[in-house]
PDB file of N, CA and C in Angstrom:
ATOM      1  N   UNK A   1       0.819  -1.188   0.000  1.00  0.00           N
ATOM      2  CA  UNK A   1       0.000   0.000   0.000  1.00  0.00           C
ATOM      3  C   UNK A   1       0.872   1.264   0.000  1.00  0.00           C
ATOM      4  N   UNK A   2       1.950   1.227   0.749  1.00  0.00           N
ATOM      5  CA  UNK A   2       2.855   2.374   0.800  1.00  0.00           C
ATOM      6  C   UNK A   2       3.466   2.616  -0.580  1.00  0.00           C
ATOM      7  N   UNK A   3       3.806   1.561  -1.265  1.00  0.00           N
ATOM      8  CA  UNK A   3       4.387   1.689  -2.596  1.00  0.00           C
ATOM      9  C   UNK A   3       3.428   2.411  -3.541  1.00  0.00           C
ATOM     10  N   UNK A   4       2.152   2.072  -3.498  1.00  0.00           N
ATOM     11  CA  UNK A   4       1.161   2.736  -4.345  1.00  0.00           C
ATOM     12  C   UNK A   4       1.018   4.215  -3.994  1.00  0.00           C
ATOM     13  N   UNK A   5       1.039   4.520  -2.704  1.00  0.00           N
ATOM     14  CA  UNK A   5       0.938   5.920  -2.273  1.00  0.00           C
ATOM     15  C   UNK A   5       2.140   6.723  -2.755  1.00  0.00           C
ATOM     16  N   UNK A   6       3.318   6.161  -2.658  1.00  0.00           N
ATOM     17  CA  UNK A   6       4.523   6.864  -3.102  1.00  0.00           C
ATOM     18  C   UNK A   6       4.514   7.037  -4.620  1.00  0.00           C
ATOM     19  N   UNK A   7       4.060   6.023  -5.346  1.00  0.00           N
ATOM     20  CA  UNK A   7       3.945   6.152  -6.804  1.00  0.00           C
ATOM     21  C   UNK A   7       2.983   7.268  -7.172  1.00  0.00           C
ATOM     22  N   UNK A   8       1.849   7.344  -6.467  1.00  0.00           N
ATOM     23  CA  UNK A   8       0.879   8.401  -6.734  1.00  0.00           C
ATOM     24  C   UNK A   8       1.470   9.775  -6.413  1.00  0.00           C
ATOM     25  N   UNK A   9       2.146   9.897  -5.274  1.00  0.00           N
ATOM     26  CA  UNK A   9       2.760  11.172  -4.907  1.00  0.00           C
ATOM     27  C   UNK A   9       3.743  11.624  -5.985  1.00  0.00           C
ATOM     28  N   UNK A  10       4.547  10.698  -6.452  1.00  0.00           N
ATOM     29  CA  UNK A  10       5.561  11.031  -7.453  1.00  0.00           C
ATOM     30  C   UNK A  10       4.927  11.442  -8.776  1.00  0.00           C
ATOM     31  N   UNK A  11       3.982  10.653  -9.268  1.00  0.00           N
ATOM     32  CA  UNK A  11       3.371  10.967 -10.561  1.00  0.00           C
ATOM     33  C   UNK A  11       2.545  12.249 -10.499  1.00  0.00           C
ATOM     34  N   UNK A  12       1.858  12.481  -9.393  1.00  0.00           N
ATOM     35  CA  UNK A  12       1.057  13.698  -9.274  1.00  0.00           C
ATOM     36  C   UNK A  12       1.943  14.934  -9.204  1.00  0.00           C
ATOM     37  N   UNK A  13       3.021  14.863  -8.448  1.00  0.00           N
ATOM     38  CA  UNK A  13       3.912  16.023  -8.360  1.00  0.00           C
ATOM     39  C   UNK A  13       4.606  16.278  -9.693  1.00  0.00           C
ATOM     40  N   UNK A  14       4.912  15.228 -10.419  1.00  0.00           N
ATOM     41  CA  UNK A  14       5.522  15.391 -11.736  1.00  0.00           C
ATOM     42  C   UNK A  14       4.522  16.015 -12.715  1.00  0.00           C
ATOM     43  N   UNK A  15       3.259  15.606 -12.625  1.00  0.00           N
ATOM     44  CA  UNK A  15       2.217  16.163 -13.484  1.00  0.00           C
ATOM     45  C   UNK A  15       2.012  17.652 -13.210  1.00  0.00           C
ATOM     46  N   UNK A  16       2.160  18.037 -11.943  1.00  0.00           N
ATOM     47  CA  UNK A  16       2.000  19.435 -11.554  1.00  0.00           C
ATOM     48  C   UNK A  16       3.270  20.258 -11.781  1.00  0.00           C
ATOM     49  N   UNK A  17       4.337  19.605 -12.243  1.00  0.00           N
ATOM     50  CA  UNK A  17       5.570  20.313 -12.555  1.00  0.00           C
ATOM     51  C   UNK A  17       6.450  20.599 -11.354  1.00  0.00           C
ATOM     52  N   UNK A  18       6.281  19.842 -10.292  1.00  0.00           N
ATOM     53  CA  UNK A  18       7.103  20.049  -9.100  1.00  0.00           C
ATOM     54  C   UNK A  18       8.317  19.135  -9.160  1.00  0.00           C
ATOM     55  N   UNK A  19       9.365  19.510  -8.452  1.00  0.00           N
ATOM     56  CA  UNK A  19      10.575  18.700  -8.445  1.00  0.00           C
ATOM     57  C   UNK A  19      10.409  17.496  -7.517  1.00  0.00           C
ATOM     58  N   UNK A  20      11.298  16.522  -7.703  1.00  0.00           N
ATOM     59  CA  UNK A  20      11.276  15.341  -6.837  1.00  0.00           C
ATOM     60  C   UNK A  20      11.534  15.729  -5.389  1.00  0.00           C
ATOM     61  N   UNK A  21      12.341  16.739  -5.206  1.00  0.00           N
ATOM     62  CA  UNK A  21      12.726  17.122  -3.844  1.00  0.00           C
ATOM     63  C   UNK A  21      11.583  17.795  -3.088  1.00  0.00           C
ATOM     64  N   UNK A  22      10.609  18.321  -3.806  1.00  0.00           N
ATOM     65  CA  UNK A  22       9.503  19.001  -3.128  1.00  0.00           C
ATOM     66  C   UNK A  22       8.570  18.030  -2.414  1.00  0.00           C
ATOM     67  N   UNK A  23       8.617  16.752  -2.776  1.00  0.00           N
ATOM     68  CA  UNK A  23       7.744  15.782  -2.110  1.00  0.00           C
ATOM     69  C   UNK A  23       8.502  14.836  -1.180  1.00  0.00           C
ATOM     70  N   UNK A  24       9.776  15.109  -0.963  1.00  0.00           N
ATOM     71  CA  UNK A  24      10.587  14.228  -0.126  1.00  0.00           C
ATOM     72  C   UNK A  24       9.997  14.052   1.270  1.00  0.00           C
ATOM     73  N   UNK A  25       9.555  15.134   1.880  1.00  0.00           N
ATOM     74  CA  UNK A  25       8.965  15.052   3.216  1.00  0.00           C
ATOM     75  C   UNK A  25       7.722  14.173   3.209  1.00  0.00           C
ATOM     76  N   UNK A  26       6.872  14.336   2.200  1.00  0.00           N
ATOM     77  CA  UNK A  26       5.648  13.546   2.125  1.00  0.00           C
ATOM     78  C   UNK A  26       5.945  12.067   1.910  1.00  0.00           C
ATOM     79  N   UNK A  27       6.961  11.775   1.127  1.00  0.00           N
ATOM     80  CA  UNK A  27       7.355  10.377   0.904  1.00  0.00           C
ATOM     81  C   UNK A  27       7.900   9.765   2.198  1.00  0.00           C
ATOM     82  N   UNK A  28       8.724  10.525   2.914  1.00  0.00           N
ATOM     83  CA  UNK A  28       9.253  10.016   4.180  1.00  0.00           C
ATOM     84  C   UNK A  28       8.128   9.773   5.188  1.00  0.00           C
ATOM     85  N   UNK A  29       7.175  10.684   5.250  1.00  0.00           N
ATOM     86  CA  UNK A  29       6.032  10.486   6.139  1.00  0.00           C
ATOM     87  C   UNK A  29       5.209   9.274   5.719  1.00  0.00           C
ATOM     88  N   UNK A  30       5.073   9.057   4.421  1.00  0.00           N
ATOM     89  CA  UNK A  30       4.340   7.888   3.942  1.00  0.00           C
ATOM     90  C   UNK A  30       5.058   6.600   4.320  1.00  0.00           C
ATOM     91  N   UNK A  31       6.387   6.627   4.268  1.00  0.00           N
ATOM     92  CA  UNK A  31       7.141   5.431   4.644  1.00  0.00           C
ATOM     93  C   UNK A  31       7.005   5.108   6.129  1.00  0.00           C
ATOM     94  N   UNK A  32       6.927   6.138   6.952  1.00  0.00           N
ATOM     95  CA  UNK A  32       6.864   5.930   8.397  1.00  0.00           C
ATOM     96  C   UNK A  32       5.432   5.715   8.881  1.00  0.00           C
ATOM     97  N   UNK A  33       4.518   6.589   8.443  1.00  0.00           N
ATOM     98  CA  UNK A  33       3.151   6.558   8.977  1.00  0.00           C
ATOM     99  C   UNK A  33       2.097   6.125   7.968  1.00  0.00           C
ATOM    100  N   UNK A  34       2.473   5.668   6.821  1.00  0.00           N
ATOM    101  CA  UNK A  34       1.657   5.184   5.715  1.00  0.00           C
ATOM    102  C   UNK A  34       0.671   6.225   5.189  1.00  0.00           C
ATOM    103  N   UNK A  35      -0.406   6.531   5.874  1.00  0.00           N
ATOM    104  CA  UNK A  35      -1.434   7.396   5.296  1.00  0.00           C
ATOM    105  C   UNK A  35      -1.218   8.879   5.559  1.00  0.00           C
ATOM    106  N   UNK A  36      -0.368   9.251   6.495  1.00  0.00           N
ATOM    107  CA  UNK A  36      -0.173  10.656   6.833  1.00  0.00           C
ATOM    108  C   UNK A  36       0.487  11.428   5.686  1.00  0.00           C
ATOM    109  N   UNK A  37       1.448  10.831   5.015  1.00  0.00           N
ATOM    110  CA  UNK A  37       2.142  11.510   3.914  1.00  0.00           C
ATOM    111  C   UNK A  37       1.206  11.938   2.801  1.00  0.00           C
ATOM    112  N   UNK A  38       0.421  11.005   2.226  1.00  0.00           N
ATOM    113  CA  UNK A  38      -0.515  11.399   1.173  1.00  0.00           C
ATOM    114  C   UNK A  38      -1.592  12.379   1.649  1.00  0.00           C
ATOM    115  N   UNK A  39      -2.060  12.222   2.868  1.00  0.00           N
ATOM    116  CA  UNK A  39      -3.080  13.144   3.386  1.00  0.00           C
ATOM    117  C   UNK A  39      -2.528  14.557   3.520  1.00  0.00           C
ATOM    118  N   UNK A  40      -1.326  14.685   4.039  1.00  0.00           N
ATOM    119  CA  UNK A  40      -0.714  16.011   4.155  1.00  0.00           C
ATOM    120  C   UNK A  40      -0.409  16.602   2.788  1.00  0.00           C
ATOM    121  N   UNK A  41      -0.053  15.754   1.848  1.00  0.00           N
ATOM    122  CA  UNK A  41       0.179  16.224   0.481  1.00  0.00           C
ATOM    123  C   UNK A  41      -1.092  16.866  -0.074  1.00  0.00           C
ATOM    124  N   UNK A  42      -2.231  16.235   0.143  1.00  0.00           N
ATOM    125  CA  UNK A  42      -3.507  16.784  -0.318  1.00  0.00           C
ATOM    126  C   UNK A  42      -3.856  18.082   0.401  1.00  0.00           C
ATOM    127  N   UNK A  43      -3.541  18.156   1.685  1.00  0.00           N
ATOM    128  CA  UNK A  43      -3.846  19.355   2.463  1.00  0.00           C
ATOM    129  C   UNK A  43      -3.002  20.539   1.996  1.00  0.00           C
ATOM    130  N   UNK A  44      -1.734  20.302   1.728  1.00  0.00           N
ATOM    131  CA  UNK A  44      -0.841  21.397   1.364  1.00  0.00           C
ATOM    132  C   UNK A  44      -0.862  21.747  -0.120  1.00  0.00           C
ATOM    133  N   UNK A  45      -1.639  21.028  -0.917  1.00  0.00           N
ATOM    134  CA  UNK A  45      -1.780  21.329  -2.339  1.00  0.00           C
ATOM    135  C   UNK A  45      -3.250  21.469  -2.728  1.00  0.00           C
ATOM    136  N   UNK A  46      -4.065  22.191  -1.968  1.00  0.00           N
ATOM    137  CA  UNK A  46      -5.505  22.236  -2.282  1.00  0.00           C
ATOM    138  C   UNK A  46      -5.824  22.935  -3.600  1.00  0.00           C
ATOM    139  N   UNK A  47      -5.073  23.976  -3.951  1.00  0.00           N
ATOM    140  CA  UNK A  47      -5.338  24.689  -5.197  1.00  0.00           C
ATOM    141  C   UNK A  47      -5.065  23.783  -6.387  1.00  0.00           C
ATOM    142  N   UNK A  48      -3.980  23.028  -6.318  1.00  0.00           N
ATOM    143  CA  UNK A  48      -3.647  22.113  -7.390  1.00  0.00           C
ATOM    144  C   UNK A  48      -4.687  21.012  -7.511  1.00  0.00           C
ATOM    145  N   UNK A  49      -5.225  20.573  -6.388  1.00  0.00           N
ATOM    146  CA  UNK A  49      -6.251  19.531  -6.406  1.00  0.00           C
ATOM    147  C   UNK A  49      -7.516  20.066  -7.066  1.00  0.00           C
ATOM    148  N   UNK A  50      -7.904  21.298  -6.771  1.00  0.00           N
ATOM    149  CA  UNK A  50      -9.102  21.885  -7.374  1.00  0.00           C
ATOM    150  C   UNK A  50      -8.933  22.017  -8.883  1.00  0.00           C
ATOM    151  N   UNK A  51      -7.729  22.367  -9.338  1.00  0.00           N
ATOM    152  CA  UNK A  51      -7.474  22.466 -10.766  1.00  0.00           C
ATOM    153  C   UNK A  51      -7.542  21.094 -11.430  1.00  0.00           C
ATOM    154  N   UNK A  52      -7.079  20.073 -10.723  1.00  0.00           N
ATOM    155  CA  UNK A  52      -7.046  18.732 -11.284  1.00  0.00           C
ATOM    156  C   UNK A  52      -8.454  18.167 -11.470  1.00  0.00           C
ATOM    157  N   UNK A  53      -9.365  18.498 -10.552  1.00  0.00           N
ATOM    158  CA  UNK A  53     -10.721  17.965 -10.671  1.00  0.00           C
ATOM    159  C   UNK A  53     -11.644  18.906 -11.428  1.00  0.00           C
ATOM    160  N   UNK A  54     -11.128  20.057 -11.810  1.00  0.00           N
ATOM    161  CA  UNK A  54     -11.893  20.994 -12.615  1.00  0.00           C
ATOM    162  C   UNK A  54     -12.858  21.846 -11.842  1.00  0.00           C
ATOM    163  N   UNK A  55     -12.649  22.017 -10.542  1.00  0.00           N
ATOM    164  CA  UNK A  55     -13.558  22.837  -9.734  1.00  0.00           C
ATOM    165  C   UNK A  55     -13.229  24.306  -9.838  1.00  0.00           C
TER     166      UNK A  55
END
């Protein structure tokens, strides 16, 4: 499950044009706490999420 979350974090940040280093903290949190990393990623990128879903 952690592997899928990290893959999603990486592909989403790449799609948004962010560097690999910008998601390092979220990946580390995902490795340690599993769901906290992806959840915090969504919290700290709300504008990008709204653009992605077309809101």
